[in-house]
Amino acid sequence: MYESLAMSAFQLSIKYPLKSAMYLAESTTLQAQALSIFKESCPALTPENTVPAFLFAAILGLHCFCDTFSTPSPDLNTFLDRLVQSIRLLRGIRATTGTCWEYIRNSDIKVLLADEGQAQERDDKVTHAFDNLKWTFSQSHTLSAFEAKIYGEAIDGLIKVYNSQLPNGDSIVLPDARIVMSWPINVSAEYTDLLHQRKPEALVVMAHFSILLHCRRSYWAVGEAGSFLLAAIEEYLGEEWAQWLLIPKEIIPPLEM
């Protein structure tokens, strides 16, 4: 309950900029209370607390994700550090509840875990860009076989999520964060480590993730995060890697200065 209120206060801080500081302070206080209560009441997973623990971890992970993308730091290194921390937290949700997943997906909250719509096999410039990027990495003489495999798996994840997107990100239903969160939750620890090391190829993959963010820009916690992420990575990588970012730049409009 406290974490849900913290998340609500965080949303209000974005909705009402003039009162942002007040709502953010309240959000931080509520989250601290939530973490304290959770630590005391749930030292280990049991059949009685598995579902509540999963719900708490999921909302906490969403909160961290929203905080990262709704108020991006102008410094790419700071932003990436927060992003890596967010990804590791989201992946931790999966790892923590992994042994109990069958129990959770058959519980009373199973309706909340349903996939959005039907995935479809798209054939457009985005999927072509993903496929070409994966092929280029696989043929690279500067990457190890291990690195090429890690990047390939990360790109496969992007393709899967993109195929689950509604056309052009337009929808008559409420925007859903699960689509853009699903890739960070499922991306490998090895890729996250390469991103943390600022490997250019890992940043190129992340630049293509900005396409997914752009498709969900109507969600309040995402907004223009895709544009910001792409611009930050483009500046960090420089002209040498400009060719690798052509498709994201065609799809995502530049930030308005």
C-alpha atoms as a PDB file:
ATOM      1  CA  MET A   1       0.000   0.000   0.000  1.00  0.00           C
ATOM      2  CA  TYR A   2       2.783   2.436   0.917  1.00  0.00           C
ATOM      3  CA  GLU A   3       4.644   1.742  -2.340  1.00  0.00           C
ATOM      4  CA  SER A   4       1.431   2.219  -4.347  1.00  0.00           C
ATOM      5  CA  LEU A   5       0.976   5.590  -2.649  1.00  0.00           C
ATOM      6  CA  ALA A   6       4.629   6.414  -3.344  1.00  0.00           C
ATOM      7  CA  MET A   7       4.084   5.649  -7.008  1.00  0.00           C
ATOM      8  CA  SER A   8       0.948   7.806  -7.058  1.00  0.00           C
ATOM      9  CA  ALA A   9       2.812  10.706  -5.463  1.00  0.00           C
ATOM     10  CA  PHE A  10       5.561  10.307  -8.045  1.00  0.00           C
ATOM     11  CA  GLN A  11       3.024  10.530 -10.886  1.00  0.00           C
ATOM     12  CA  LEU A  12       1.534  13.667  -9.328  1.00  0.00           C
ATOM     13  CA  SER A  13       5.013  15.222  -9.246  1.00  0.00           C
ATOM     14  CA  ILE A  14       5.067  14.960 -13.038  1.00  0.00           C
ATOM     15  CA  LYS A  15       1.450  15.950 -13.548  1.00  0.00           C
ATOM     16  CA  TYR A  16       1.777  19.096 -11.420  1.00  0.00           C
ATOM     17  CA  PRO A  17       5.275  20.558 -12.031  1.00  0.00           C
ATOM     18  CA  LEU A  18       4.728  23.536  -9.686  1.00  0.00           C
ATOM     19  CA  LYS A  19       4.248  21.138  -6.772  1.00  0.00           C
ATOM     20  CA  SER A  20       6.826  18.627  -7.993  1.00  0.00           C
ATOM     21  CA  ALA A  21       9.223  19.026  -5.041  1.00  0.00           C
ATOM     22  CA  MET A  22       6.472  18.434  -2.502  1.00  0.00           C
ATOM     23  CA  TYR A  23       5.154  15.313  -4.235  1.00  0.00           C
ATOM     24  CA  LEU A  24       8.664  13.910  -4.786  1.00  0.00           C
ATOM     25  CA  ALA A  25       9.488  14.363  -1.104  1.00  0.00           C
ATOM     26  CA  GLU A  26       6.283  12.577  -0.165  1.00  0.00           C
ATOM     27  CA  SER A  27       7.025   9.811  -2.670  1.00  0.00           C
ATOM     28  CA  THR A  28      10.497   9.276  -1.222  1.00  0.00           C
ATOM     29  CA  THR A  29       9.141   9.146   2.345  1.00  0.00           C
ATOM     30  CA  LEU A  30       6.418   6.671   1.427  1.00  0.00           C
ATOM     31  CA  GLN A  31       8.858   4.453  -0.459  1.00  0.00           C
ATOM     32  CA  ALA A  32      11.245   4.389   2.507  1.00  0.00           C
ATOM     33  CA  GLN A  33       8.373   3.335   4.762  1.00  0.00           C
ATOM     34  CA  ALA A  34       7.341   0.659   2.275  1.00  0.00           C
ATOM     35  CA  LEU A  35      10.852  -0.796   2.100  1.00  0.00           C
ATOM     36  CA  SER A  36      11.168  -0.824   5.883  1.00  0.00           C
ATOM     37  CA  ILE A  37       7.850  -2.604   6.355  1.00  0.00           C
ATOM     38  CA  PHE A  38       8.613  -5.099   3.589  1.00  0.00           C
ATOM     39  CA  LYS A  39      12.021  -5.953   5.068  1.00  0.00           C
ATOM     40  CA  GLU A  40      10.464  -6.642   8.465  1.00  0.00           C
ATOM     41  CA  SER A  41       7.391  -8.545   7.299  1.00  0.00           C
ATOM     42  CA  CYS A  42       8.820 -10.567   4.410  1.00  0.00           C
ATOM     43  CA  PRO A  43      12.313 -11.890   5.228  1.00  0.00           C
ATOM     44  CA  ALA A  44      11.734 -14.960   3.018  1.00  0.00           C
ATOM     45  CA  LEU A  45       9.201 -16.133   0.423  1.00  0.00           C
ATOM     46  CA  THR A  46       6.451 -18.419   1.677  1.00  0.00           C
ATOM     47  CA  PRO A  47       3.180 -19.612   0.080  1.00  0.00           C
ATOM     48  CA  GLU A  48       1.393 -16.960   2.137  1.00  0.00           C
ATOM     49  CA  ASN A  49       3.466 -13.974   1.069  1.00  0.00           C
ATOM     50  CA  THR A  50       4.632 -14.873  -2.459  1.00  0.00           C
ATOM     51  CA  VAL A  51       1.920 -12.962  -4.327  1.00  0.00           C
ATOM     52  CA  PRO A  52       2.075  -9.832  -2.119  1.00  0.00           C
ATOM     53  CA  ALA A  53       5.875  -9.876  -2.376  1.00  0.00           C
ATOM     54  CA  PHE A  54       5.679 -10.137  -6.153  1.00  0.00           C
ATOM     55  CA  LEU A  55       3.213  -7.255  -6.391  1.00  0.00           C
ATOM     56  CA  PHE A  56       5.374  -5.095  -4.124  1.00  0.00           C
ATOM     57  CA  ALA A  57       8.523  -5.865  -6.116  1.00  0.00           C
ATOM     58  CA  ALA A  58       6.740  -5.191  -9.407  1.00  0.00           C
ATOM     59  CA  ILE A  59       5.455  -1.772  -8.290  1.00  0.00           C
ATOM     60  CA  LEU A  60       8.856  -0.909  -6.809  1.00  0.00           C
ATOM     61  CA  GLY A  61      10.539  -1.900 -10.072  1.00  0.00           C
ATOM     62  CA  LEU A  62       8.070   0.188 -12.085  1.00  0.00           C
ATOM     63  CA  HIS A  63       8.744   3.117  -9.758  1.00  0.00           C
ATOM     64  CA  CYS A  64      12.483   2.823 -10.374  1.00  0.00           C
ATOM     65  CA  PHE A  65      11.943   2.527 -14.129  1.00  0.00           C
ATOM     66  CA  CYS A  66       9.677   5.590 -14.151  1.00  0.00           C
ATOM     67  CA  ASP A  67      12.128   7.603 -12.078  1.00  0.00           C
ATOM     68  CA  THR A  68      14.914   6.811 -14.536  1.00  0.00           C
ATOM     69  CA  PHE A  69      13.039   7.804 -17.687  1.00  0.00           C
ATOM     70  CA  SER A  70      10.748  10.594 -16.526  1.00  0.00           C
ATOM     71  CA  THR A  71      13.550  12.746 -15.117  1.00  0.00           C
ATOM     72  CA  PRO A  72      16.592  11.855 -17.233  1.00  0.00           C
ATOM     73  CA  SER A  73      19.940  13.288 -16.206  1.00  0.00           C
ATOM     74  CA  PRO A  74      21.584  15.494 -18.852  1.00  0.00           C
ATOM     75  CA  ASP A  75      24.798  13.563 -18.221  1.00  0.00           C
ATOM     76  CA  LEU A  76      24.789  10.242 -20.115  1.00  0.00           C
ATOM     77  CA  ASN A  77      27.029   8.484 -17.616  1.00  0.00           C
ATOM     78  CA  THR A  78      24.721   9.381 -14.731  1.00  0.00           C
ATOM     79  CA  PHE A  79      21.692   8.393 -16.772  1.00  0.00           C
ATOM     80  CA  LEU A  80      23.225   5.054 -17.786  1.00  0.00           C
ATOM     81  CA  ASP A  81      24.230   4.291 -14.206  1.00  0.00           C
ATOM     82  CA  ARG A  82      20.616   4.839 -13.150  1.00  0.00           C
ATOM     83  CA  LEU A  83      19.374   2.830 -16.105  1.00  0.00           C
ATOM     84  CA  VAL A  84      21.652  -0.110 -15.298  1.00  0.00           C
ATOM     85  CA  GLN A  85      20.522   0.034 -11.676  1.00  0.00           C
ATOM     86  CA  SER A  86      16.904   0.042 -12.853  1.00  0.00           C
ATOM     87  CA  ILE A  87      17.467  -2.900 -15.216  1.00  0.00           C
ATOM     88  CA  ARG A  88      19.170  -4.903 -12.467  1.00  0.00           C
ATOM     89  CA  LEU A  89      16.286  -4.206 -10.119  1.00  0.00           C
ATOM     90  CA  LEU A  90      13.731  -5.239 -12.736  1.00  0.00           C
ATOM     91  CA  ARG A  91      15.705  -8.409 -13.485  1.00  0.00           C
ATOM     92  CA  GLY A  92      15.903  -9.028  -9.750  1.00  0.00           C
ATOM     93  CA  ILE A  93      12.109  -9.205  -9.633  1.00  0.00           C
ATOM     94  CA  ARG A  94      12.224 -12.069 -12.089  1.00  0.00           C
ATOM     95  CA  ALA A  95      15.090 -13.808 -10.288  1.00  0.00           C
ATOM     96  CA  THR A  96      13.522 -13.441  -6.839  1.00  0.00           C
ATOM     97  CA  THR A  97      10.188 -14.923  -7.875  1.00  0.00           C
ATOM     98  CA  GLY A  98      11.528 -17.330 -10.506  1.00  0.00           C
ATOM     99  CA  THR A  99      11.119 -20.438  -8.386  1.00  0.00           C
ATOM    100  CA  CYS A 100       7.546 -19.428  -7.579  1.00  0.00           C
ATOM    101  CA  TRP A 101       6.512 -18.329 -11.065  1.00  0.00           C
ATOM    102  CA  GLU A 102       4.090 -21.181 -11.733  1.00  0.00           C
ATOM    103  CA  TYR A 103       2.384 -20.489  -8.430  1.00  0.00           C
ATOM    104  CA  ILE A 104       2.124 -16.763  -9.220  1.00  0.00           C
ATOM    105  CA  ARG A 105       0.785 -17.176 -12.775  1.00  0.00           C
ATOM    106  CA  ASN A 106      -1.962 -19.496 -11.489  1.00  0.00           C
ATOM    107  CA  SER A 107      -2.880 -17.253  -8.561  1.00  0.00           C
ATOM    108  CA  ASP A 108      -5.642 -14.666  -8.250  1.00  0.00           C
ATOM    109  CA  ILE A 109      -3.476 -12.075 -10.041  1.00  0.00           C
ATOM    110  CA  LYS A 110      -3.015 -14.130 -13.206  1.00  0.00           C
ATOM    111  CA  VAL A 111      -5.235 -11.706 -15.133  1.00  0.00           C
ATOM    112  CA  LEU A 112      -2.654  -8.963 -14.468  1.00  0.00           C
ATOM    113  CA  LEU A 113       0.046 -11.056 -16.116  1.00  0.00           C
ATOM    114  CA  ALA A 114      -1.739 -11.546 -19.421  1.00  0.00           C
ATOM    115  CA  ASP A 115       0.087 -10.404 -22.536  1.00  0.00           C
ATOM    116  CA  GLU A 116      -1.230  -7.359 -24.363  1.00  0.00           C
ATOM    117  CA  GLY A 117      -2.868  -8.423 -27.577  1.00  0.00           C
ATOM    118  CA  GLN A 118      -1.463 -10.836 -30.125  1.00  0.00           C
ATOM    119  CA  ALA A 119       2.130 -10.668 -31.232  1.00  0.00           C
ATOM    120  CA  GLN A 120       2.572 -10.395 -34.975  1.00  0.00           C
ATOM    121  CA  GLU A 121       5.516 -10.927 -37.258  1.00  0.00           C
ATOM    122  CA  ARG A 122       6.274  -7.491 -38.626  1.00  0.00           C
ATOM    123  CA  ASP A 123       8.210  -6.891 -41.826  1.00  0.00           C
ATOM    124  CA  ASP A 124       9.252  -3.250 -41.896  1.00  0.00           C
ATOM    125  CA  LYS A 125      12.335  -1.076 -41.682  1.00  0.00           C
ATOM    126  CA  VAL A 126      12.531  -1.532 -37.911  1.00  0.00           C
ATOM    127  CA  THR A 127      12.624  -5.326 -38.018  1.00  0.00           C
ATOM    128  CA  HIS A 128      15.032  -5.138 -40.955  1.00  0.00           C
ATOM    129  CA  ALA A 129      17.270  -2.838 -38.900  1.00  0.00           C
ATOM    130  CA  PHE A 130      17.168  -5.221 -35.942  1.00  0.00           C
ATOM    131  CA  ASP A 131      17.966  -8.216 -38.165  1.00  0.00           C
ATOM    132  CA  ASN A 132      20.772  -6.365 -39.922  1.00  0.00           C
ATOM    133  CA  LEU A 133      22.255  -5.240 -36.618  1.00  0.00           C
ATOM    134  CA  LYS A 134      22.245  -8.801 -35.319  1.00  0.00           C
ATOM    135  CA  TRP A 135      23.878 -10.079 -38.525  1.00  0.00           C
ATOM    136  CA  THR A 136      26.541  -7.356 -38.434  1.00  0.00           C
ATOM    137  CA  PHE A 137      27.470  -8.246 -34.866  1.00  0.00           C
ATOM    138  CA  SER A 138      27.651 -11.935 -35.761  1.00  0.00           C
ATOM    139  CA  GLN A 139      30.116 -11.150 -38.565  1.00  0.00           C
ATOM    140  CA  SER A 140      32.244  -8.725 -36.573  1.00  0.00           C
ATOM    141  CA  HIS A 141      35.965  -9.412 -36.252  1.00  0.00           C
ATOM    142  CA  THR A 142      36.305  -7.109 -33.251  1.00  0.00           C
ATOM    143  CA  LEU A 143      33.728  -8.873 -31.093  1.00  0.00           C
ATOM    144  CA  SER A 144      34.262 -12.174 -29.361  1.00  0.00           C
ATOM    145  CA  ALA A 145      31.817 -14.986 -30.106  1.00  0.00           C
ATOM    146  CA  PHE A 146      30.482 -14.530 -26.567  1.00  0.00           C
ATOM    147  CA  GLU A 147      29.814 -10.810 -27.060  1.00  0.00           C
ATOM    148  CA  ALA A 148      28.166 -11.373 -30.445  1.00  0.00           C
ATOM    149  CA  LYS A 149      25.892 -13.980 -28.829  1.00  0.00           C
ATOM    150  CA  ILE A 150      24.948 -11.657 -25.961  1.00  0.00           C
ATOM    151  CA  TYR A 151      24.121  -8.801 -28.327  1.00  0.00           C
ATOM    152  CA  GLY A 152      22.199 -11.133 -30.615  1.00  0.00           C
ATOM    153  CA  GLU A 153      20.045 -12.339 -27.734  1.00  0.00           C
ATOM    154  CA  ALA A 154      19.376  -8.745 -26.642  1.00  0.00           C
ATOM    155  CA  ILE A 155      18.302  -7.854 -30.199  1.00  0.00           C
ATOM    156  CA  ASP A 156      16.049 -10.936 -30.355  1.00  0.00           C
ATOM    157  CA  GLY A 157      14.379  -9.558 -27.228  1.00  0.00           C
ATOM    158  CA  LEU A 158      13.849  -6.193 -28.910  1.00  0.00           C
ATOM    159  CA  ILE A 159      12.285  -7.897 -31.935  1.00  0.00           C
ATOM    160  CA  LYS A 160       9.928  -9.884 -29.708  1.00  0.00           C
ATOM    161  CA  VAL A 161       8.795  -6.768 -27.867  1.00  0.00           C
ATOM    162  CA  TYR A 162       8.470  -4.749 -31.075  1.00  0.00           C
ATOM    163  CA  ASN A 163       6.258  -7.458 -32.553  1.00  0.00           C
ATOM    164  CA  SER A 164       4.012  -7.088 -29.506  1.00  0.00           C
ATOM    165  CA  GLN A 165       3.624  -3.338 -30.012  1.00  0.00           C
ATOM    166  CA  LEU A 166       0.451  -1.813 -31.360  1.00  0.00           C
ATOM    167  CA  PRO A 167       0.985  -0.312 -34.840  1.00  0.00           C
ATOM    168  CA  ASN A 168       2.957   2.930 -34.627  1.00  0.00           C
ATOM    169  CA  GLY A 169       2.397   2.987 -30.877  1.00  0.00           C
ATOM    170  CA  ASP A 170      -1.152   4.326 -31.371  1.00  0.00           C
ATOM    171  CA  SER A 171      -3.873   2.842 -29.221  1.00  0.00           C
ATOM    172  CA  ILE A 172      -7.412   3.580 -28.107  1.00  0.00           C
ATOM    173  CA  VAL A 173      -6.704   1.766 -24.818  1.00  0.00           C
ATOM    174  CA  LEU A 174      -4.742   3.117 -21.884  1.00  0.00           C
ATOM    175  CA  PRO A 175      -0.979   3.085 -22.492  1.00  0.00           C
ATOM    176  CA  ASP A 176       0.708   0.133 -20.817  1.00  0.00           C
ATOM    177  CA  ALA A 177       4.219   0.138 -19.370  1.00  0.00           C
ATOM    178  CA  ARG A 178       4.524  -3.650 -19.429  1.00  0.00           C
ATOM    179  CA  ILE A 179       5.620  -3.680 -23.059  1.00  0.00           C
ATOM    180  CA  VAL A 180       8.631  -1.417 -22.605  1.00  0.00           C
ATOM    181  CA  MET A 181       9.465  -2.948 -19.223  1.00  0.00           C
ATOM    182  CA  SER A 182       9.500  -6.500 -20.551  1.00  0.00           C
ATOM    183  CA  TRP A 183      12.822  -6.058 -22.367  1.00  0.00           C
ATOM    184  CA  PRO A 184      14.771  -4.698 -19.362  1.00  0.00           C
ATOM    185  CA  ILE A 185      13.283  -7.435 -17.173  1.00  0.00           C
ATOM    186  CA  ASN A 186      14.365 -10.196 -19.538  1.00  0.00           C
ATOM    187  CA  VAL A 187      17.656  -8.845 -20.910  1.00  0.00           C
ATOM    188  CA  SER A 188      20.666 -10.856 -19.735  1.00  0.00           C
ATOM    189  CA  ALA A 189      22.970  -9.915 -16.886  1.00  0.00           C
ATOM    190  CA  GLU A 190      25.861 -10.206 -19.333  1.00  0.00           C
ATOM    191  CA  TYR A 191      24.383  -7.542 -21.617  1.00  0.00           C
ATOM    192  CA  THR A 192      23.710  -5.313 -18.608  1.00  0.00           C
ATOM    193  CA  ASP A 193      27.377  -5.649 -17.608  1.00  0.00           C
ATOM    194  CA  LEU A 194      28.516  -4.686 -21.129  1.00  0.00           C
ATOM    195  CA  LEU A 195      26.204  -1.674 -21.006  1.00  0.00           C
ATOM    196  CA  HIS A 196      27.645  -0.720 -17.632  1.00  0.00           C
ATOM    197  CA  GLN A 197      31.114  -0.866 -19.222  1.00  0.00           C
ATOM    198  CA  ARG A 198      29.888   1.565 -21.926  1.00  0.00           C
ATOM    199  CA  LYS A 199      30.709  -0.848 -24.744  1.00  0.00           C
ATOM    200  CA  PRO A 200      29.769   0.965 -28.004  1.00  0.00           C
ATOM    201  CA  GLU A 201      27.876  -2.046 -29.355  1.00  0.00           C
ATOM    202  CA  ALA A 202      25.831  -2.261 -26.152  1.00  0.00           C
ATOM    203  CA  LEU A 203      24.988   1.414 -26.516  1.00  0.00           C
ATOM    204  CA  VAL A 204      23.941   0.850 -30.136  1.00  0.00           C
ATOM    205  CA  VAL A 205      21.518  -1.865 -28.970  1.00  0.00           C
ATOM    206  CA  MET A 206      20.209   0.524 -26.296  1.00  0.00           C
ATOM    207  CA  ALA A 207      19.735   3.193 -28.977  1.00  0.00           C
ATOM    208  CA  HIS A 208      17.440   0.765 -30.788  1.00  0.00           C
ATOM    209  CA  PHE A 209      15.544   0.237 -27.520  1.00  0.00           C
ATOM    210  CA  SER A 210      14.689   3.935 -27.808  1.00  0.00           C
ATOM    211  CA  ILE A 211      12.375   2.942 -30.687  1.00  0.00           C
ATOM    212  CA  LEU A 212      10.276   0.910 -28.250  1.00  0.00           C
ATOM    213  CA  LEU A 213      10.233   3.800 -25.808  1.00  0.00           C
ATOM    214  CA  HIS A 214       9.087   6.129 -28.578  1.00  0.00           C
ATOM    215  CA  CYS A 215       6.229   3.742 -29.400  1.00  0.00           C
ATOM    216  CA  ARG A 216       5.031   4.102 -25.804  1.00  0.00           C
ATOM    217  CA  ARG A 217       5.608   7.849 -25.508  1.00  0.00           C
ATOM    218  CA  SER A 218       1.957   8.403 -24.536  1.00  0.00           C
ATOM    219  CA  TYR A 219       2.635   6.653 -21.234  1.00  0.00           C
ATOM    220  CA  TRP A 220       3.236   9.369 -18.635  1.00  0.00           C
ATOM    221  CA  ALA A 221       6.459   7.858 -17.273  1.00  0.00           C
ATOM    222  CA  VAL A 222       8.043   7.421 -20.721  1.00  0.00           C
ATOM    223  CA  GLY A 223       7.176  10.606 -22.581  1.00  0.00           C
ATOM    224  CA  GLU A 224      10.147  11.811 -24.621  1.00  0.00           C
ATOM    225  CA  ALA A 225      12.582   9.344 -23.035  1.00  0.00           C
ATOM    226  CA  GLY A 226      13.197   7.700 -26.412  1.00  0.00           C
ATOM    227  CA  SER A 227      14.296  10.991 -27.944  1.00  0.00           C
ATOM    228  CA  PHE A 228      16.494  11.809 -24.979  1.00  0.00           C
ATOM    229  CA  LEU A 229      18.112   8.370 -24.855  1.00  0.00           C
ATOM    230  CA  LEU A 230      18.907   8.390 -28.565  1.00  0.00           C
ATOM    231  CA  ALA A 231      20.315  11.932 -28.462  1.00  0.00           C
ATOM    232  CA  ALA A 232      22.483  11.132 -25.443  1.00  0.00           C
ATOM    233  CA  ILE A 233      23.887   7.966 -27.015  1.00  0.00           C
ATOM    234  CA  GLU A 234      24.476   9.707 -30.353  1.00  0.00           C
ATOM    235  CA  GLU A 235      26.496  12.433 -28.635  1.00  0.00           C
ATOM    236  CA  TYR A 236      28.441   9.908 -26.553  1.00  0.00           C
ATOM    237  CA  LEU A 237      29.379   7.654 -29.477  1.00  0.00           C
ATOM    238  CA  GLY A 238      30.251  10.459 -31.862  1.00  0.00           C
ATOM    239  CA  GLU A 239      30.458  10.543 -35.640  1.00  0.00           C
ATOM    240  CA  GLU A 240      32.279   7.192 -35.851  1.00  0.00           C
ATOM    241  CA  TRP A 241      29.084   5.322 -34.927  1.00  0.00           C
ATOM    242  CA  ALA A 242      26.571   7.590 -36.662  1.00  0.00           C
ATOM    243  CA  GLN A 243      25.875   5.016 -39.387  1.00  0.00           C
ATOM    244  CA  TRP A 244      24.692   2.530 -36.759  1.00  0.00           C
ATOM    245  CA  LEU A 245      21.966   4.885 -35.552  1.00  0.00           C
ATOM    246  CA  LEU A 246      20.337   5.781 -38.866  1.00  0.00           C
ATOM    247  CA  ILE A 247      17.066   3.859 -38.385  1.00  0.00           C
ATOM    248  CA  PRO A 248      16.394   5.083 -34.821  1.00  0.00           C
ATOM    249  CA  LYS A 249      17.103   8.640 -36.023  1.00  0.00           C
ATOM    250  CA  GLU A 250      14.661   8.230 -38.927  1.00  0.00           C
ATOM    251  CA  ILE A 251      11.883   7.131 -36.553  1.00  0.00           C
ATOM    252  CA  ILE A 252      12.454   9.301 -33.492  1.00  0.00           C
ATOM    253  CA  PRO A 253      12.271  13.088 -33.822  1.00  0.00           C
ATOM    254  CA  PRO A 254      15.125  15.096 -32.293  1.00  0.00           C
ATOM    255  CA  LEU A 255      14.720  16.716 -28.934  1.00  0.00           C
ATOM    256  CA  GLU A 256      13.393  20.261 -29.022  1.00  0.00           C
ATOM    257  CA  MET A 257      15.997  22.538 -27.503  1.00  0.00           C
END
